[in-house]
Amino acid sequence: MPTVEVQHDPHVTVLRCSGRIVHGDGADDLLRAVTSQNKRQVQIDLSRVEIIDAGGLGVLAALEKWAKDGNRTIQVINPTKRVREALETTKLISVLQICSAIRDCDDAA
């Protein structure tokens, strides 16, 4: 089961994830954590995520749509090698805004 720590800044919410984002509890927890935020910019730090499966990837895709529909920005921060490979394989890397560090995303926002 993943852990999602929420850090609030004046203009952005950072969700720091660790563990596994997989079908069921892990993916659902991330979905609820992100959609409960009321900031226009949400950053999801995946630097401590061990594995992500199709359910987790589906949640990231759904969150991107949720963000666009609500005039928000979702940014994925520093995905682990395994997570990045999954994003590349599924071509989500071309849909999501992915940054190597929070400051890189701040510059892109």
Protein backbone atom coordinates (compact mmCIF):
# COMPACT_ATOMS: atom_id res chain seq x y z
CA MET A 1 0.00 0.00 0.00
CA PRO A 2 1.41 3.41 -0.90
CA THR A 3 1.91 6.36 1.34
CA VAL A 4 0.86 9.78 0.07
CA GLU A 5 2.18 12.75 2.02
CA VAL A 6 0.63 16.10 1.15
CA GLN A 7 2.63 19.32 1.31
CA HIS A 8 0.78 22.60 0.79
CA ASP A 9 2.52 25.68 -0.56
CA PRO A 10 0.75 28.95 -1.45
CA HIS A 11 0.30 28.09 -5.14
CA VAL A 12 0.95 24.36 -5.44
CA THR A 13 0.23 21.14 -3.65
CA VAL A 14 2.95 18.49 -3.70
CA LEU A 15 1.97 14.86 -3.12
CA ARG A 16 4.95 12.69 -2.22
CA CYS A 17 4.19 9.06 -2.99
CA SER A 18 6.06 5.99 -1.84
CA GLY A 19 5.48 2.28 -2.18
CA ARG A 20 3.40 0.75 -4.95
CA ILE A 21 0.72 2.42 -7.06
CA VAL A 22 -1.26 -0.57 -8.25
CA HIS A 23 -4.84 -1.51 -9.10
CA GLY A 24 -7.05 -1.22 -6.05
CA ASP A 25 -6.08 0.59 -2.91
CA GLY A 26 -2.83 2.17 -4.12
CA ALA A 27 -4.23 3.71 -7.27
CA ASP A 28 -7.49 4.68 -5.58
CA ASP A 29 -5.61 6.38 -2.73
CA LEU A 30 -3.65 8.50 -5.19
CA LEU A 31 -6.79 9.41 -7.12
CA ARG A 32 -8.60 10.53 -3.95
CA ALA A 33 -5.57 12.42 -2.64
CA VAL A 34 -5.13 14.43 -5.84
CA THR A 35 -8.78 15.16 -6.59
CA SER A 36 -9.38 16.39 -3.04
CA GLN A 37 -6.89 19.24 -3.58
CA ASN A 38 -8.19 22.70 -4.42
CA LYS A 39 -5.02 24.24 -5.88
CA ARG A 40 -4.66 24.87 -9.62
CA GLN A 41 -1.23 23.21 -9.68
CA VAL A 42 -0.59 19.73 -8.28
CA GLN A 43 2.78 18.01 -8.36
CA ILE A 44 3.03 14.25 -7.84
CA ASP A 45 6.47 13.19 -6.61
CA LEU A 46 7.11 9.58 -7.69
CA SER A 47 10.77 9.39 -6.61
CA ARG A 48 9.97 6.76 -3.94
CA VAL A 49 7.49 4.64 -5.92
CA GLU A 50 8.74 1.09 -6.36
CA ILE A 51 6.26 -0.06 -8.99
CA ILE A 52 3.25 1.15 -10.93
CA ASP A 53 0.87 -1.13 -12.83
CA ALA A 54 -1.86 -0.56 -15.40
CA GLY A 55 -4.25 0.60 -12.68
CA GLY A 56 -1.78 3.23 -11.47
CA LEU A 57 -1.02 4.35 -15.01
CA GLY A 58 -4.75 4.62 -15.66
CA VAL A 59 -5.09 6.87 -12.63
CA LEU A 60 -2.32 9.15 -13.92
CA ALA A 61 -4.09 9.37 -17.28
CA ALA A 62 -7.42 10.09 -15.57
CA LEU A 63 -5.78 12.77 -13.41
CA GLU A 64 -4.39 14.47 -16.51
CA LYS A 65 -7.91 14.63 -17.96
CA TRP A 66 -9.31 15.83 -14.62
CA ALA A 67 -6.68 18.57 -14.57
CA LYS A 68 -7.40 19.72 -18.12
CA ASP A 69 -11.16 19.72 -17.54
CA GLY A 70 -10.72 21.86 -14.42
CA ASN A 71 -8.12 24.24 -15.87
CA ARG A 72 -5.48 22.75 -13.56
CA THR A 73 -1.92 21.52 -14.04
CA ILE A 74 -0.64 18.09 -13.02
CA GLN A 75 3.10 17.56 -12.98
CA VAL A 76 4.90 14.29 -12.31
CA ILE A 77 8.15 14.75 -10.43
CA ASN A 78 11.23 12.53 -10.65
CA PRO A 79 9.71 9.13 -11.46
CA THR A 80 11.92 6.17 -10.62
CA LYS A 81 13.54 4.28 -13.48
CA ARG A 82 10.90 1.54 -13.32
CA VAL A 83 8.03 4.05 -13.33
CA ARG A 84 9.61 6.07 -16.16
CA GLU A 85 9.93 2.88 -18.23
CA ALA A 86 6.22 2.17 -17.70
CA LEU A 87 5.36 5.74 -18.73
CA GLU A 88 7.51 5.40 -21.85
CA THR A 89 6.09 1.98 -22.79
CA THR A 90 2.52 3.25 -22.57
CA LYS A 91 3.37 6.60 -24.24
CA LEU A 92 2.01 8.47 -21.21
CA ILE A 93 5.34 10.24 -21.10
CA SER A 94 4.13 12.32 -24.06
CA VAL A 95 0.87 13.24 -22.32
CA LEU A 96 2.04 14.02 -18.78
CA GLN A 97 4.30 16.89 -17.80
CA ILE A 98 7.31 15.14 -16.26
CA CYS A 99 10.07 16.99 -14.44
CA SER A 100 13.29 15.74 -12.88
CA ALA A 101 12.92 18.01 -9.84
CA ILE A 102 10.30 20.29 -8.30
CA ARG A 103 12.26 23.40 -9.26
CA ASP A 104 12.25 22.24 -12.91
CA CYS A 105 8.47 22.06 -12.79
CA ASP A 106 8.23 25.45 -11.15
CA ASP A 107 10.13 26.90 -14.10
CA ALA A 108 7.81 25.12 -16.59
CA ALA A 109 4.54 26.19 -14.90
